[in-house]
Amino acid sequence: DRQAVLRPYDAAGQMLDGVLAEPGESEGELKRLFDDPAVALVQVR
């Protein structure tokens, strides 16, 4: 229930995007980000 910044990275460590998730939305945003096969890791900040 916290606002968060989600930063997806590819396997080479390059940031692909950035998402501001409102409280309660981070879980859904993560699933959406991982629909992209290029995403290797997402940092929640």
All heavy atoms as atom14 arrays in JSON, in Angstrom:
{
  "sequence": "DRQAVLRPYDAAGQMLDGVLAEPGESEGELKRLFDDPAVALVQVR",
  "atom14_mask": [
    [1, 1, 1, 1, 1, 1, 1, 1, 0, 0, 0, 0, 0, 0],
    [1, 1, 1, 1, 1, 1, 1, 1, 1, 1, 1, 0, 0, 0],
    [1, 1, 1, 1, 1, 1, 1, 1, 1, 0, 0, 0, 0, 0],
    [1, 1, 1, 1, 1, 0, 0, 0, 0, 0, 0, 0, 0, 0],
    [1, 1, 1, 1, 1, 1, 1, 0, 0, 0, 0, 0, 0, 0],
    [1, 1, 1, 1, 1, 1, 1, 1, 0, 0, 0, 0, 0, 0],
    [1, 1, 1, 1, 1, 1, 1, 1, 1, 1, 1, 0, 0, 0],
    [1, 1, 1, 1, 1, 1, 1, 0, 0, 0, 0, 0, 0, 0],
    [1, 1, 1, 1, 1, 1, 1, 1, 1, 1, 1, 1, 0, 0],
    [1, 1, 1, 1, 1, 1, 1, 1, 0, 0, 0, 0, 0, 0],
    [1, 1, 1, 1, 1, 0, 0, 0, 0, 0, 0, 0, 0, 0],
    [1, 1, 1, 1, 1, 0, 0, 0, 0, 0, 0, 0, 0, 0],
    [1, 1, 1, 1, 0, 0, 0, 0, 0, 0, 0, 0, 0, 0],
    [1, 1, 1, 1, 1, 1, 1, 1, 1, 0, 0, 0, 0, 0],
    [1, 1, 1, 1, 1, 1, 1, 1, 0, 0, 0, 0, 0, 0],
    [1, 1, 1, 1, 1, 1, 1, 1, 0, 0, 0, 0, 0, 0],
    [1, 1, 1, 1, 1, 1, 1, 1, 0, 0, 0, 0, 0, 0],
    [1, 1, 1, 1, 0, 0, 0, 0, 0, 0, 0, 0, 0, 0],
    [1, 1, 1, 1, 1, 1, 1, 0, 0, 0, 0, 0, 0, 0],
    [1, 1, 1, 1, 1, 1, 1, 1, 0, 0, 0, 0, 0, 0],
    [1, 1, 1, 1, 1, 0, 0, 0, 0, 0, 0, 0, 0, 0],
    [1, 1, 1, 1, 1, 1, 1, 1, 1, 0, 0, 0, 0, 0],
    [1, 1, 1, 1, 1, 1, 1, 0, 0, 0, 0, 0, 0, 0],
    [1, 1, 1, 1, 0, 0, 0, 0, 0, 0, 0, 0, 0, 0],
    [1, 1, 1, 1, 1, 1, 1, 1, 1, 0, 0, 0, 0, 0],
    [1, 1, 1, 1, 1, 1, 0, 0, 0, 0, 0, 0, 0, 0],
    [1, 1, 1, 1, 1, 1, 1, 1, 1, 0, 0, 0, 0, 0],
    [1, 1, 1, 1, 0, 0, 0, 0, 0, 0, 0, 0, 0, 0],
    [1, 1, 1, 1, 1, 1, 1, 1, 1, 0, 0, 0, 0, 0],
    [1, 1, 1, 1, 1, 1, 1, 1, 0, 0, 0, 0, 0, 0],
    [1, 1, 1, 1, 1, 1, 1, 1, 1, 0, 0, 0, 0, 0],
    [1, 1, 1, 1, 1, 1, 1, 1, 1, 1, 1, 0, 0, 0],
    [1, 1, 1, 1, 1, 1, 1, 1, 0, 0, 0, 0, 0, 0],
    [1, 1, 1, 1, 1, 1, 1, 1, 1, 1, 1, 0, 0, 0],
    [1, 1, 1, 1, 1, 1, 1, 1, 0, 0, 0, 0, 0, 0],
    [1, 1, 1, 1, 1, 1, 1, 1, 0, 0, 0, 0, 0, 0],
    [1, 1, 1, 1, 1, 1, 1, 0, 0, 0, 0, 0, 0, 0],
    [1, 1, 1, 1, 1, 0, 0, 0, 0, 0, 0, 0, 0, 0],
    [1, 1, 1, 1, 1, 1, 1, 0, 0, 0, 0, 0, 0, 0],
    [1, 1, 1, 1, 1, 0, 0, 0, 0, 0, 0, 0, 0, 0],
    [1, 1, 1, 1, 1, 1, 1, 1, 0, 0, 0, 0, 0, 0],
    [1, 1, 1, 1, 1, 1, 1, 0, 0, 0, 0, 0, 0, 0],
    [1, 1, 1, 1, 1, 1, 1, 1, 1, 0, 0, 0, 0, 0],
    [1, 1, 1, 1, 1, 1, 1, 0, 0, 0, 0, 0, 0, 0],
    [1, 1, 1, 1, 1, 1, 1, 1, 1, 1, 1, 0, 0, 0]
  ],
  "atom14_positions": [
    [[0.8, -1.21, 0.0], [0.0, 0.0, 0.0], [0.84, 1.27, 0.0], [0.43, 2.3, 0.53], [-0.96, -0.01, 1.2], [-2.01, -1.09, 1.06], [-2.44, -1.34, -0.08], [-2.39, -1.69, 2.08], [0.0, 0.0, 0.0], [0.0, 0.0, 0.0], [0.0, 0.0, 0.0], [0.0, 0.0, 0.0], [0.0, 0.0, 0.0], [0.0, 0.0, 0.0]],
    [[2.01, 1.18, -0.63], [2.89, 2.33, -0.74], [3.05, 2.69, -2.21], [3.06, 1.82, -3.07], [4.26, 2.0, -0.16], [4.23, 1.69, 1.32], [5.55, 1.13, 1.78], [6.61, 2.11, 1.71], [7.4, 2.43, 2.72], [7.27, 1.84, 3.87], [8.33, 3.33, 2.57], [0.0, 0.0, 0.0], [0.0, 0.0, 0.0], [0.0, 0.0, 0.0]],
    [[3.18, 3.97, -2.47], [3.54, 4.39, -3.82], [4.96, 3.93, -4.08], [5.79, 3.9, -3.17], [3.44, 5.92, -3.87], [3.42, 6.5, -5.24], [3.25, 8.01, -5.2], [3.81, 8.68, -4.33], [2.47, 8.54, -6.13], [0.0, 0.0, 0.0], [0.0, 0.0, 0.0], [0.0, 0.0, 0.0], [0.0, 0.0, 0.0], [0.0, 0.0, 0.0]],
    [[5.26, 3.53, -5.32], [6.6, 3.01, -5.63], [6.97, 3.35, -7.07], [6.11, 3.52, -7.93], [6.64, 1.5, -5.44], [0.0, 0.0, 0.0], [0.0, 0.0, 0.0], [0.0, 0.0, 0.0], [0.0, 0.0, 0.0], [0.0, 0.0, 0.0], [0.0, 0.0, 0.0], [0.0, 0.0, 0.0], [0.0, 0.0, 0.0], [0.0, 0.0, 0.0]],
    [[8.26, 3.43, -7.31], [8.79, 3.53, -8.66], [9.28, 2.13, -9.03], [10.01, 1.49, -8.26], [9.95, 4.54, -8.74], [10.64, 4.47, -10.09], [9.45, 5.95, -8.47], [0.0, 0.0, 0.0], [0.0, 0.0, 0.0], [0.0, 0.0, 0.0], [0.0, 0.0, 0.0], [0.0, 0.0, 0.0], [0.0, 0.0, 0.0], [0.0, 0.0, 0.0]],
    [[8.87, 1.64, -10.19], [9.3, 0.33, -10.69], [10.2, 0.59, -11.89], [9.8, 1.25, -12.84], [8.09, -0.51, -11.1], [6.99, -0.66, -10.06], [5.85, -1.5, -10.62], [7.52, -1.27, -8.78], [0.0, 0.0, 0.0], [0.0, 0.0, 0.0], [0.0, 0.0, 0.0], [0.0, 0.0, 0.0], [0.0, 0.0, 0.0], [0.0, 0.0, 0.0]],
    [[11.43, 0.06, -11.81], [12.4, 0.25, -12.88], [12.77, -1.11, -13.49], [13.5, -1.88, -12.87], [13.67, 0.9, -12.36], [13.54, 2.32, -11.94], [14.93, 2.84, -11.59], [14.9, 4.13, -10.99], [15.96, 4.69, -10.42], [17.12, 4.04, -10.38], [15.88, 5.89, -9.9], [0.0, 0.0, 0.0], [0.0, 0.0, 0.0], [0.0, 0.0, 0.0]],
    [[12.31, -1.4, -14.7], [12.7, -2.65, -15.35], [14.04, -2.52, -16.07], [14.34, -1.48, -16.67], [11.56, -2.89, -16.35], [11.04, -1.53, -16.66], [11.27, -0.68, -15.44], [0.0, 0.0, 0.0], [0.0, 0.0, 0.0], [0.0, 0.0, 0.0], [0.0, 0.0, 0.0], [0.0, 0.0, 0.0], [0.0, 0.0, 0.0], [0.0, 0.0, 0.0]],
    [[14.82, -3.61, -16.02], [16.14, -3.66, -16.67], [16.22, -4.91, -17.54], [15.63, -5.94, -17.22], [17.25, -3.74, -15.61], [17.32, -2.52, -14.73], [16.53, -2.42, -13.59], [18.17, -1.47, -15.03], [16.59, -1.31, -12.78], [18.24, -0.34, -14.22], [17.44, -0.26, -13.1], [17.5, 0.85, -12.3], [0.0, 0.0, 0.0], [0.0, 0.0, 0.0]],
    [[17.02, -4.8, -18.62], [17.26, -5.98, -19.45], [18.46, -6.76, -18.9], [19.06, -6.36, -17.9], [17.45, -5.6, -20.92], [18.7, -4.78, -21.22], [19.62, -4.71, -20.37], [18.77, -4.23, -22.33], [0.0, 0.0, 0.0], [0.0, 0.0, 0.0], [0.0, 0.0, 0.0], [0.0, 0.0, 0.0], [0.0, 0.0, 0.0], [0.0, 0.0, 0.0]],
    [[18.81, -7.87, -19.54], [19.89, -8.74, -19.05], [21.25, -8.07, -19.05], [22.15, -8.5, -18.34], [19.91, -10.02, -19.88], [0.0, 0.0, 0.0], [0.0, 0.0, 0.0], [0.0, 0.0, 0.0], [0.0, 0.0, 0.0], [0.0, 0.0, 0.0], [0.0, 0.0, 0.0], [0.0, 0.0, 0.0], [0.0, 0.0, 0.0], [0.0, 0.0, 0.0]],
    [[21.42, -7.0, -19.83], [22.69, -6.26, -19.86], [22.72, -5.15, -18.82], [23.71, -4.42, -18.72], [22.92, -5.69, -21.26], [0.0, 0.0, 0.0], [0.0, 0.0, 0.0], [0.0, 0.0, 0.0], [0.0, 0.0, 0.0], [0.0, 0.0, 0.0], [0.0, 0.0, 0.0], [0.0, 0.0, 0.0], [0.0, 0.0, 0.0], [0.0, 0.0, 0.0]],
    [[21.65, -5.01, -18.04], [21.6, -3.99, -16.99], [21.15, -2.62, -17.48], [21.29, -1.63, -16.77], [0.0, 0.0, 0.0], [0.0, 0.0, 0.0], [0.0, 0.0, 0.0], [0.0, 0.0, 0.0], [0.0, 0.0, 0.0], [0.0, 0.0, 0.0], [0.0, 0.0, 0.0], [0.0, 0.0, 0.0], [0.0, 0.0, 0.0], [0.0, 0.0, 0.0]],
    [[20.57, -2.55, -18.67], [20.07, -1.28, -19.2], [18.62, -1.07, -18.77], [17.79, -1.98, -18.91], [20.17, -1.27, -20.73], [21.59, -1.33, -21.23], [22.42, -0.14, -20.79], [22.04, 1.01, -20.98], [23.55, -0.42, -20.16], [0.0, 0.0, 0.0], [0.0, 0.0, 0.0], [0.0, 0.0, 0.0], [0.0, 0.0, 0.0], [0.0, 0.0, 0.0]],
    [[18.33, 0.12, -18.24], [16.96, 0.42, -17.82], [16.08, 0.56, -19.06], [16.43, 1.24, -20.02], [16.92, 1.69, -16.98], [15.57, 1.93, -16.33], [15.59, 3.17, -15.02], [15.97, 4.64, -15.9], [0.0, 0.0, 0.0], [0.0, 0.0, 0.0], [0.0, 0.0, 0.0], [0.0, 0.0, 0.0], [0.0, 0.0, 0.0], [0.0, 0.0, 0.0]],
    [[14.92, -0.09, -19.03], [14.02, -0.11, -20.17], [12.88, 0.89, -20.06], [12.31, 1.29, -21.06], [13.42, -1.52, -20.33], [14.43, -2.64, -20.58], [13.74, -3.99, -20.54], [15.16, -2.41, -21.88], [0.0, 0.0, 0.0], [0.0, 0.0, 0.0], [0.0, 0.0, 0.0], [0.0, 0.0, 0.0], [0.0, 0.0, 0.0], [0.0, 0.0, 0.0]],
    [[12.53, 1.25, -18.84], [11.32, 2.05, -18.63], [11.34, 2.53, -17.19], [12.28, 2.25, -16.45], [10.09, 1.17, -18.89], [8.8, 1.96, -19.1], [8.84, 3.2, -19.03], [7.76, 1.33, -19.34], [0.0, 0.0, 0.0], [0.0, 0.0, 0.0], [0.0, 0.0, 0.0], [0.0, 0.0, 0.0], [0.0, 0.0, 0.0], [0.0, 0.0, 0.0]],
    [[10.3, 3.16, -16.77], [10.09, 3.55, -15.39], [8.61, 3.74, -15.18], [7.94, 4.33, -16.03], [0.0, 0.0, 0.0], [0.0, 0.0, 0.0], [0.0, 0.0, 0.0], [0.0, 0.0, 0.0], [0.0, 0.0, 0.0], [0.0, 0.0, 0.0], [0.0, 0.0, 0.0], [0.0, 0.0, 0.0], [0.0, 0.0, 0.0], [0.0, 0.0, 0.0]],
    [[8.08, 3.21, -14.1], [6.65, 3.28, -13.84], [6.44, 3.79, -12.42], [7.08, 3.31, -11.47], [6.01, 1.87, -13.97], [4.54, 1.9, -13.57], [6.18, 1.33, -15.37], [0.0, 0.0, 0.0], [0.0, 0.0, 0.0], [0.0, 0.0, 0.0], [0.0, 0.0, 0.0], [0.0, 0.0, 0.0], [0.0, 0.0, 0.0], [0.0, 0.0, 0.0]],
    [[5.55, 4.76, -12.28], [5.13, 5.21, -10.95], [3.86, 4.45, -10.62], [2.83, 4.61, -11.29], [4.87, 6.72, -10.95], [4.33, 7.29, -9.65], [5.32, 7.08, -8.51], [4.01, 8.77, -9.82], [0.0, 0.0, 0.0], [0.0, 0.0, 0.0], [0.0, 0.0, 0.0], [0.0, 0.0, 0.0], [0.0, 0.0, 0.0], [0.0, 0.0, 0.0]],
    [[3.95, 3.59, -9.63], [2.79, 2.78, -9.21], [2.16, 3.42, -7.97], [2.84, 3.69, -6.99], [3.23, 1.36, -8.91], [0.0, 0.0, 0.0], [0.0, 0.0, 0.0], [0.0, 0.0, 0.0], [0.0, 0.0, 0.0], [0.0, 0.0, 0.0], [0.0, 0.0, 0.0], [0.0, 0.0, 0.0], [0.0, 0.0, 0.0], [0.0, 0.0, 0.0]],
    [[0.88, 3.63, -8.05], [0.15, 4.18, -6.91], [-0.05, 3.08, -5.87], [0.09, 1.89, -6.18], [-1.2, 4.74, -7.39], [-1.06, 5.95, -8.29], [-0.32, 7.12, -7.65], [-0.46, 7.32, -6.41], [0.39, 7.84, -8.37], [0.0, 0.0, 0.0], [0.0, 0.0, 0.0], [0.0, 0.0, 0.0], [0.0, 0.0, 0.0], [0.0, 0.0, 0.0]],
    [[-0.41, 3.44, -4.63], [-0.62, 2.43, -3.6], [-1.59, 1.34, -4.08], [-2.63, 1.64, -4.67], [-1.21, 3.23, -2.43], [-0.63, 4.6, -2.61], [-0.58, 4.81, -4.1], [0.0, 0.0, 0.0], [0.0, 0.0, 0.0], [0.0, 0.0, 0.0], [0.0, 0.0, 0.0], [0.0, 0.0, 0.0], [0.0, 0.0, 0.0], [0.0, 0.0, 0.0]],
    [[-1.19, 0.09, -3.89], [-2.0, -1.04, -4.28], [-1.85, -1.47, -5.73], [-2.43, -2.48, -6.14], [0.0, 0.0, 0.0], [0.0, 0.0, 0.0], [0.0, 0.0, 0.0], [0.0, 0.0, 0.0], [0.0, 0.0, 0.0], [0.0, 0.0, 0.0], [0.0, 0.0, 0.0], [0.0, 0.0, 0.0], [0.0, 0.0, 0.0], [0.0, 0.0, 0.0]],
    [[-1.07, -0.74, -6.53], [-0.94, -1.05, -7.95], [0.37, -1.74, -8.33], [0.52, -2.2, -9.46], [-1.08, 0.22, -8.79], [-2.44, 0.86, -8.72], [-2.53, 2.14, -9.56], [-1.51, 2.55, -10.16], [-3.62, 2.72, -9.6], [0.0, 0.0, 0.0], [0.0, 0.0, 0.0], [0.0, 0.0, 0.0], [0.0, 0.0, 0.0], [0.0, 0.0, 0.0]],
    [[1.33, -1.8, -7.43], [2.65, -2.32, -7.78], [2.62, -3.76, -8.27], [3.31, -4.11, -9.24], [3.6, -2.21, -6.58], [3.9, -0.86, -6.31], [0.0, 0.0, 0.0], [0.0, 0.0, 0.0], [0.0, 0.0, 0.0], [0.0, 0.0, 0.0], [0.0, 0.0, 0.0], [0.0, 0.0, 0.0], [0.0, 0.0, 0.0], [0.0, 0.0, 0.0]],
    [[1.83, -4.59, -7.65], [1.76, -6.0, -8.03], [1.29, -6.17, -9.48], [1.89, -6.89, -10.27], [0.82, -6.74, -7.07], [1.21, -8.14, -6.79], [0.37, -8.72, -5.66], [-0.6, -8.12, -5.18], [0.72, -9.85, -5.27], [0.0, 0.0, 0.0], [0.0, 0.0, 0.0], [0.0, 0.0, 0.0], [0.0, 0.0, 0.0], [0.0, 0.0, 0.0]],
    [[0.24, -5.47, -9.84], [-0.27, -5.52, -11.21], [0.71, -4.94, -12.22], [0.88, -5.47, -13.32], [0.0, 0.0, 0.0], [0.0, 0.0, 0.0], [0.0, 0.0, 0.0], [0.0, 0.0, 0.0], [0.0, 0.0, 0.0], [0.0, 0.0, 0.0], [0.0, 0.0, 0.0], [0.0, 0.0, 0.0], [0.0, 0.0, 0.0], [0.0, 0.0, 0.0]],
    [[1.36, -3.84, -11.85], [2.34, -3.23, -12.74], [3.53, -4.16, -12.97], [4.06, -4.25, -14.07], [2.81, -1.89, -12.19], [1.79, -0.79, -12.25], [1.45, -0.36, -13.68], [2.26, -0.58, -14.6], [0.35, 0.19, -13.87], [0.0, 0.0, 0.0], [0.0, 0.0, 0.0], [0.0, 0.0, 0.0], [0.0, 0.0, 0.0], [0.0, 0.0, 0.0]],
    [[3.94, -4.87, -11.92], [5.05, -5.83, -12.07], [4.68, -6.91, -13.09], [5.49, -7.24, -13.97], [5.36, -6.52, -10.74], [6.34, -5.86, -9.82], [6.43, -6.63, -8.53], [7.69, -5.71, -10.47], [0.0, 0.0, 0.0], [0.0, 0.0, 0.0], [0.0, 0.0, 0.0], [0.0, 0.0, 0.0], [0.0, 0.0, 0.0], [0.0, 0.0, 0.0]],
    [[3.5, -7.45, -12.96], [3.07, -8.5, -13.9], [3.05, -7.97, -15.32], [3.49, -8.65, -16.26], [1.7, -9.04, -13.48], [1.78, -9.85, -12.2], [0.44, -10.3, -11.71], [0.62, -11.04, -10.39], [-0.6, -11.33, -9.72], [0.0, 0.0, 0.0], [0.0, 0.0, 0.0], [0.0, 0.0, 0.0], [0.0, 0.0, 0.0], [0.0, 0.0, 0.0]],
    [[2.59, -6.74, -15.49], [2.57, -6.12, -16.82], [3.99, -5.95, -17.36], [4.27, -6.26, -18.52], [1.84, -4.78, -16.77], [1.68, -4.12, -18.14], [1.08, -2.73, -18.03], [1.92, -1.78, -17.33], [3.02, -1.21, -17.83], [3.44, -1.54, -19.03], [3.7, -0.33, -17.13], [0.0, 0.0, 0.0], [0.0, 0.0, 0.0], [0.0, 0.0, 0.0]],
    [[4.9, -5.47, -16.51], [6.29, -5.28, -16.95], [6.93, -6.6, -17.37], [7.66, -6.67, -18.36], [7.12, -4.61, -15.85], [6.79, -3.14, -15.59], [7.48, -2.66, -14.32], [7.18, -2.28, -16.78], [0.0, 0.0, 0.0], [0.0, 0.0, 0.0], [0.0, 0.0, 0.0], [0.0, 0.0, 0.0], [0.0, 0.0, 0.0], [0.0, 0.0, 0.0]],
    [[6.66, -7.67, -16.6], [7.26, -8.97, -16.91], [6.59, -9.67, -18.11], [7.09, -10.68, -18.57], [7.28, -9.88, -15.68], [8.46, -9.6, -14.79], [8.29, -8.97, -13.57], [9.74, -9.96, -15.18], [9.37, -8.7, -12.74], [10.84, -9.69, -14.37], [10.66, -9.07, -13.15], [0.0, 0.0, 0.0], [0.0, 0.0, 0.0], [0.0, 0.0, 0.0]],
    [[5.52, -9.09, -18.65], [4.98, -9.59, -19.91], [5.96, -9.36, -21.06], [5.9, -10.03, -22.08], [3.63, -8.94, -20.24], [2.48, -9.52, -19.44], [2.63, -10.63, -18.88], [1.42, -8.86, -19.38], [0.0, 0.0, 0.0], [0.0, 0.0, 0.0], [0.0, 0.0, 0.0], [0.0, 0.0, 0.0], [0.0, 0.0, 0.0], [0.0, 0.0, 0.0]],
    [[6.85, -8.4, -20.87], [7.89, -8.12, -21.86], [9.05, -9.08, -21.63], [9.69, -9.03, -20.58], [8.37, -6.67, -21.72], [9.44, -6.28, -22.71], [10.0, -7.16, -23.41], [9.74, -5.07, -22.78], [0.0, 0.0, 0.0], [0.0, 0.0, 0.0], [0.0, 0.0, 0.0], [0.0, 0.0, 0.0], [0.0, 0.0, 0.0], [0.0, 0.0, 0.0]],
    [[9.37, -9.97, -22.56], [10.45, -10.94, -22.36], [11.83, -10.3, -22.22], [12.75, -10.94, -21.72], [10.37, -11.83, -23.61], [9.54, -11.11, -24.59], [8.69, -10.12, -23.85], [0.0, 0.0, 0.0], [0.0, 0.0, 0.0], [0.0, 0.0, 0.0], [0.0, 0.0, 0.0], [0.0, 0.0, 0.0], [0.0, 0.0, 0.0], [0.0, 0.0, 0.0]],
    [[11.97, -9.05, -22.62], [13.27, -8.36, -22.48], [13.57, -7.98, -21.04], [14.71, -7.75, -20.67], [13.31, -7.11, -23.36], [0.0, 0.0, 0.0], [0.0, 0.0, 0.0], [0.0, 0.0, 0.0], [0.0, 0.0, 0.0], [0.0, 0.0, 0.0], [0.0, 0.0, 0.0], [0.0, 0.0, 0.0], [0.0, 0.0, 0.0], [0.0, 0.0, 0.0]],
    [[12.55, -7.94, -20.19], [12.73, -7.55, -18.79], [13.34, -8.72, -18.01], [12.75, -9.79, -17.92], [11.41, -7.09, -18.15], [11.58, -6.85, -16.65], [10.9, -5.83, -18.83], [0.0, 0.0, 0.0], [0.0, 0.0, 0.0], [0.0, 0.0, 0.0], [0.0, 0.0, 0.0], [0.0, 0.0, 0.0], [0.0, 0.0, 0.0], [0.0, 0.0, 0.0]],
    [[14.53, -8.48, -17.46], [15.22, -9.5, -16.66], [15.04, -9.26, -15.17], [15.06, -10.2, -14.38], [16.71, -9.51, -17.0], [0.0, 0.0, 0.0], [0.0, 0.0, 0.0], [0.0, 0.0, 0.0], [0.0, 0.0, 0.0], [0.0, 0.0, 0.0], [0.0, 0.0, 0.0], [0.0, 0.0, 0.0], [0.0, 0.0, 0.0], [0.0, 0.0, 0.0]],
    [[14.87, -8.0, -14.79], [14.84, -7.62, -13.37], [14.07, -6.32, -13.24], [14.16, -5.45, -14.12], [16.29, -7.4, -12.88], [16.48, -6.99, -11.44], [16.5, -8.23, -10.55], [17.79, -6.25, -11.27], [0.0, 0.0, 0.0], [0.0, 0.0, 0.0], [0.0, 0.0, 0.0], [0.0, 0.0, 0.0], [0.0, 0.0, 0.0], [0.0, 0.0, 0.0]],
    [[13.32, -6.19, -12.17], [12.66, -4.93, -11.85], [13.07, -4.53, -10.45], [13.02, -5.33, -9.52], [11.11, -5.05, -11.93], [10.44, -3.75, -11.48], [10.67, -5.44, -13.33], [0.0, 0.0, 0.0], [0.0, 0.0, 0.0], [0.0, 0.0, 0.0], [0.0, 0.0, 0.0], [0.0, 0.0, 0.0], [0.0, 0.0, 0.0], [0.0, 0.0, 0.0]],
    [[13.5, -3.28, -10.32], [13.79, -2.73, -8.99], [12.57, -1.95, -8.52], [12.01, -1.15, -9.27], [15.01, -1.82, -9.02], [16.3, -2.54, -9.25], [17.49, -1.61, -9.19], [17.38, -0.42, -8.95], [18.66, -2.18, -9.41], [0.0, 0.0, 0.0], [0.0, 0.0, 0.0], [0.0, 0.0, 0.0], [0.0, 0.0, 0.0], [0.0, 0.0, 0.0]],
    [[12.17, -2.22, -7.28], [11.09, -1.48, -6.64], [11.76, -0.46, -5.73], [12.58, -0.82, -4.88], [10.17, -2.43, -5.82], [9.08, -1.64, -5.12], [9.57, -3.49, -6.74], [0.0, 0.0, 0.0], [0.0, 0.0, 0.0], [0.0, 0.0, 0.0], [0.0, 0.0, 0.0], [0.0, 0.0, 0.0], [0.0, 0.0, 0.0], [0.0, 0.0, 0.0]],
    [[11.43, 0.81, -5.94], [12.14, 1.9, -5.25], [11.18, 2.84, -4.54], [10.03, 2.99, -4.92], [12.98, 2.69, -6.25], [14.14, 1.87, -6.78], [14.97, 2.65, -7.77], [16.25, 2.0, -7.91], [17.35, 2.33, -7.24], [17.33, 3.33, -6.38], [18.47, 1.68, -7.43], [0.0, 0.0, 0.0], [0.0, 0.0, 0.0], [0.0, 0.0, 0.0]]
  ]
}
